[in-house]
N, C-alpha and C. Protein backbone atom coordinates (compact mmCIF):
# COMPACT_ATOMS: atom_id res chain seq x y z
N MET A 1 11.34 -4.90 -10.15
CA MET A 1 11.99 -6.14 -9.22
C MET A 1 11.04 -7.23 -9.23
N ALA A 2 11.69 -8.42 -9.47
CA ALA A 2 10.92 -9.43 -9.42
C ALA A 2 10.58 -9.70 -8.00
N ASP A 3 9.30 -10.51 -7.73
CA ASP A 3 8.42 -10.68 -6.44
C ASP A 3 8.62 -9.55 -5.52
N THR A 4 8.40 -8.26 -5.99
CA THR A 4 8.31 -7.28 -4.94
C THR A 4 7.20 -6.28 -5.51
N ILE A 5 6.82 -5.45 -4.65
CA ILE A 5 5.26 -4.55 -4.92
C ILE A 5 6.22 -3.15 -5.11
N GLU A 6 5.91 -2.52 -6.14
CA GLU A 6 6.13 -1.04 -6.24
C GLU A 6 5.06 -0.33 -5.36
N LEU A 7 5.56 0.28 -4.23
CA LEU A 7 4.47 0.94 -3.49
C LEU A 7 4.94 2.26 -3.42
N LYS A 8 3.61 3.04 -3.86
CA LYS A 8 3.79 4.75 -3.80
C LYS A 8 2.54 5.12 -3.00
N ILE A 9 2.84 5.95 -1.94
CA ILE A 9 1.90 6.67 -1.05
C ILE A 9 2.07 8.17 -1.40
N VAL A 10 1.08 8.51 -1.68
CA VAL A 10 0.89 9.92 -2.11
C VAL A 10 -0.11 10.75 -1.47
N SER A 11 0.15 11.84 -0.99
CA SER A 11 -0.66 12.86 -0.25
C SER A 11 -0.88 13.91 -1.30
N LEU A 12 -2.00 15.05 -0.91
CA LEU A 12 -2.03 16.08 -1.55
C LEU A 12 -0.80 16.92 -1.86
N LYS A 13 0.17 17.02 -0.95
CA LYS A 13 1.29 17.66 -1.09
C LYS A 13 2.67 17.22 -1.72
N GLU A 14 2.67 15.73 -1.36
CA GLU A 14 3.88 15.36 -1.75
C GLU A 14 3.87 13.68 -1.93
N VAL A 15 4.77 13.07 -2.44
CA VAL A 15 5.14 11.89 -2.56
C VAL A 15 5.50 11.19 -0.98
N VAL A 16 4.87 10.51 -0.32
CA VAL A 16 5.11 10.04 0.86
C VAL A 16 6.30 9.10 1.15
N TYR A 17 6.09 8.15 0.18
CA TYR A 17 6.96 7.01 -0.15
C TYR A 17 7.05 6.44 -1.45
N ASP A 18 7.94 5.80 -1.92
CA ASP A 18 8.07 5.39 -3.36
C ASP A 18 9.30 4.41 -3.31
N ASP A 19 8.97 3.07 -3.10
CA ASP A 19 10.04 2.19 -3.42
C ASP A 19 9.58 0.58 -3.48
N TYR A 20 10.41 -0.18 -3.72
CA TYR A 20 9.68 -1.57 -3.92
C TYR A 20 9.64 -2.53 -2.21
N VAL A 21 8.71 -3.40 -2.03
CA VAL A 21 8.70 -3.73 -0.87
C VAL A 21 8.13 -5.40 -0.95
N ASP A 22 8.30 -6.15 -0.05
CA ASP A 22 7.97 -7.55 -0.20
C ASP A 22 6.40 -7.51 0.13
N SER A 23 5.71 -6.97 0.96
CA SER A 23 4.25 -6.96 1.31
C SER A 23 3.78 -5.51 1.81
N VAL A 24 2.67 -5.52 1.69
CA VAL A 24 1.95 -4.14 2.27
C VAL A 24 0.63 -4.64 3.11
N THR A 25 0.36 -4.22 4.06
CA THR A 25 -0.80 -4.63 4.88
C THR A 25 -1.63 -3.17 4.99
N LEU A 26 -2.80 -2.95 4.82
CA LEU A 26 -3.34 -2.03 4.80
C LEU A 26 -5.14 -2.05 5.58
N PRO A 27 -5.36 -0.70 6.13
CA PRO A 27 -6.45 -1.02 6.91
C PRO A 27 -7.87 -0.33 5.74
N THR A 28 -8.73 -1.42 5.39
CA THR A 28 -9.74 -0.99 4.55
C THR A 28 -11.12 -0.88 5.46
N LYS A 29 -12.30 -0.40 4.71
CA LYS A 29 -13.63 -0.10 5.27
C LYS A 29 -14.09 -1.53 5.59
N VAL A 30 -13.63 -2.69 5.46
CA VAL A 30 -14.14 -4.11 5.63
C VAL A 30 -13.14 -4.93 6.36
N GLY A 31 -11.84 -4.46 6.77
CA GLY A 31 -11.11 -5.12 7.53
C GLY A 31 -9.58 -4.85 6.75
N GLU A 32 -8.45 -5.56 7.36
CA GLU A 32 -7.16 -5.46 7.01
C GLU A 32 -6.97 -6.52 5.98
N ILE A 33 -6.21 -5.93 4.86
CA ILE A 33 -5.74 -6.62 3.73
C ILE A 33 -4.32 -6.52 3.75
N THR A 34 -3.58 -7.81 3.19
CA THR A 34 -2.17 -7.75 2.77
C THR A 34 -2.10 -8.20 1.22
N VAL A 35 -1.18 -7.10 0.74
CA VAL A 35 -1.08 -7.16 -0.79
C VAL A 35 0.36 -7.77 -0.71
N LEU A 36 0.47 -8.92 -1.56
CA LEU A 36 1.56 -9.58 -1.85
C LEU A 36 1.99 -9.33 -3.60
N PRO A 37 3.40 -9.66 -3.95
CA PRO A 37 3.50 -9.54 -5.25
C PRO A 37 2.40 -10.61 -6.24
N HIS A 38 2.00 -10.05 -7.10
CA HIS A 38 1.22 -10.76 -8.38
C HIS A 38 -0.28 -10.79 -7.74
N HIS A 39 -0.65 -9.80 -6.90
CA HIS A 39 -1.87 -9.87 -6.40
C HIS A 39 -2.93 -9.42 -7.58
N ALA A 40 -4.12 -9.68 -7.35
CA ALA A 40 -4.94 -9.62 -8.57
C ALA A 40 -5.20 -7.95 -8.32
N PRO A 41 -5.58 -7.28 -9.31
CA PRO A 41 -6.05 -5.94 -9.68
C PRO A 41 -7.16 -5.61 -8.50
N LEU A 42 -7.17 -4.40 -7.68
CA LEU A 42 -8.01 -4.27 -6.74
C LEU A 42 -8.22 -2.70 -6.36
N ILE A 43 -9.20 -2.10 -6.44
CA ILE A 43 -9.36 -0.86 -5.82
C ILE A 43 -10.25 -1.06 -4.69
N SER A 44 -9.74 -0.03 -3.56
CA SER A 44 -10.57 -0.15 -2.08
C SER A 44 -10.42 1.46 -1.70
N HIS A 45 -11.42 1.44 -0.61
CA HIS A 45 -11.30 2.58 0.10
C HIS A 45 -10.49 2.15 1.34
N LEU A 46 -9.80 3.08 1.77
CA LEU A 46 -9.00 2.76 3.23
C LEU A 46 -9.56 3.62 4.34
N ALA A 47 -9.56 3.03 5.35
CA ALA A 47 -9.92 3.37 6.77
C ALA A 47 -8.85 3.95 7.47
N LYS A 48 -9.33 4.72 8.42
CA LYS A 48 -8.25 5.30 9.48
C LYS A 48 -7.55 3.91 9.93
N GLY A 49 -5.91 4.24 10.12
CA GLY A 49 -5.48 3.16 10.87
C GLY A 49 -3.75 3.25 10.24
N THR A 50 -3.20 2.12 10.31
CA THR A 50 -1.73 2.02 9.88
C THR A 50 -1.45 1.11 8.53
N ILE A 51 -0.80 1.86 7.74
CA ILE A 51 -0.40 0.81 6.32
C ILE A 51 1.20 0.35 7.02
N ARG A 52 1.36 -1.08 6.85
CA ARG A 52 2.50 -1.50 7.27
C ARG A 52 3.19 -2.21 6.00
N ALA A 53 4.47 -1.51 5.47
CA ALA A 53 5.25 -2.18 4.21
C ALA A 53 6.36 -2.89 5.00
N LYS A 54 6.46 -3.89 4.43
CA LYS A 54 7.47 -4.93 4.86
C LYS A 54 8.54 -5.16 3.66
N SER A 55 9.92 -4.82 4.13
CA SER A 55 10.90 -5.27 3.05
C SER A 55 11.78 -5.87 4.06
N ALA A 56 12.76 -6.79 3.33
CA ALA A 56 13.94 -7.40 3.95
C ALA A 56 13.78 -7.75 5.69
N GLY A 57 12.51 -8.35 5.91
CA GLY A 57 12.50 -8.25 7.14
C GLY A 57 12.14 -7.23 8.22
N GLN A 58 12.01 -6.03 7.60
CA GLN A 58 11.73 -4.67 8.49
C GLN A 58 10.43 -4.29 7.99
N GLN A 59 9.84 -3.60 8.98
CA GLN A 59 8.56 -2.98 8.66
C GLN A 59 8.48 -1.64 8.79
N LYS A 60 7.83 -0.88 7.83
CA LYS A 60 8.03 0.72 8.15
C LYS A 60 6.20 1.05 8.37
N PRO A 61 6.01 1.55 9.35
CA PRO A 61 4.47 2.03 9.39
C PRO A 61 4.34 3.39 9.04
N PHE A 62 2.88 3.48 8.47
CA PHE A 62 2.55 4.76 8.00
C PHE A 62 0.83 5.14 8.74
N GLU A 63 0.93 5.86 9.63
CA GLU A 63 -0.23 6.19 10.07
C GLU A 63 -1.23 6.97 8.93
N ILE A 64 -2.50 6.49 8.67
CA ILE A 64 -3.20 7.31 7.65
C ILE A 64 -4.79 7.77 8.27
N ASP A 65 -5.43 8.54 8.08
CA ASP A 65 -6.64 8.86 7.93
C ASP A 65 -7.67 8.20 7.21
N GLY A 66 -7.13 7.57 6.14
CA GLY A 66 -8.15 7.00 5.35
C GLY A 66 -7.64 7.60 3.89
N GLY A 67 -8.39 7.01 2.78
CA GLY A 67 -8.00 7.31 1.48
C GLY A 67 -8.37 6.26 0.49
N PHE A 68 -7.72 5.91 -0.46
CA PHE A 68 -7.93 4.81 -1.63
C PHE A 68 -6.76 4.39 -1.97
N MET A 69 -6.74 2.93 -2.37
CA MET A 69 -5.72 2.23 -3.00
C MET A 69 -6.04 1.60 -4.21
N GLU A 70 -4.89 1.50 -4.91
CA GLU A 70 -5.39 0.61 -6.42
C GLU A 70 -4.03 -0.36 -6.31
N VAL A 71 -4.24 -1.44 -6.82
CA VAL A 71 -3.30 -2.67 -7.07
C VAL A 71 -3.48 -2.84 -8.69
N THR A 72 -2.28 -2.70 -9.35
CA THR A 72 -2.56 -3.10 -10.80
C THR A 72 -1.86 -4.50 -11.04
N SER A 73 -1.99 -5.08 -12.25
CA SER A 73 -1.69 -6.40 -12.50
C SER A 73 -0.13 -6.54 -12.56
N ASP A 74 0.39 -5.59 -12.71
CA ASP A 74 1.99 -5.28 -12.75
C ASP A 74 2.52 -5.05 -11.41
N SER A 75 1.76 -5.62 -10.31
CA SER A 75 2.29 -5.44 -8.95
C SER A 75 2.93 -3.79 -8.59
N ARG A 76 1.96 -3.08 -8.80
CA ARG A 76 2.02 -1.61 -8.41
C ARG A 76 0.95 -1.27 -7.36
N LEU A 77 1.23 -0.95 -6.28
CA LEU A 77 0.31 -0.31 -5.22
C LEU A 77 0.47 1.14 -5.12
N THR A 78 -0.61 1.76 -5.54
CA THR A 78 -0.84 3.24 -5.23
C THR A 78 -1.73 3.68 -4.10
N VAL A 79 -1.37 4.34 -3.02
CA VAL A 79 -2.15 4.85 -2.08
C VAL A 79 -2.54 6.23 -2.29
N LEU A 80 -3.49 6.45 -2.14
CA LEU A 80 -4.14 8.13 -2.45
C LEU A 80 -4.53 8.59 -0.97
N LEU A 81 -3.70 9.26 0.08
CA LEU A 81 -4.12 9.71 1.09
C LEU A 81 -5.24 10.89 0.99
N GLN A 82 -6.16 10.83 2.13
CA GLN A 82 -6.87 12.11 1.92
C GLN A 82 -6.40 12.97 2.82
């Protein structure tokens, strides 16, 4: 979908979330970041906190204990939970 991000949140046991969103705010080890469509490729270590996925004005929170994230050049964001 144009101008959205494909967000996939994966734990060791299951796919927790897989959908298109407008933006995602994540807790990293160096502070909070927000990923928007067409974000530069990025890999980062995630800290304990809340992932906030925003779509159509609604926010969906996900509490995490840490993990890793990868943003690809085709607006895909994958979160691997620990």
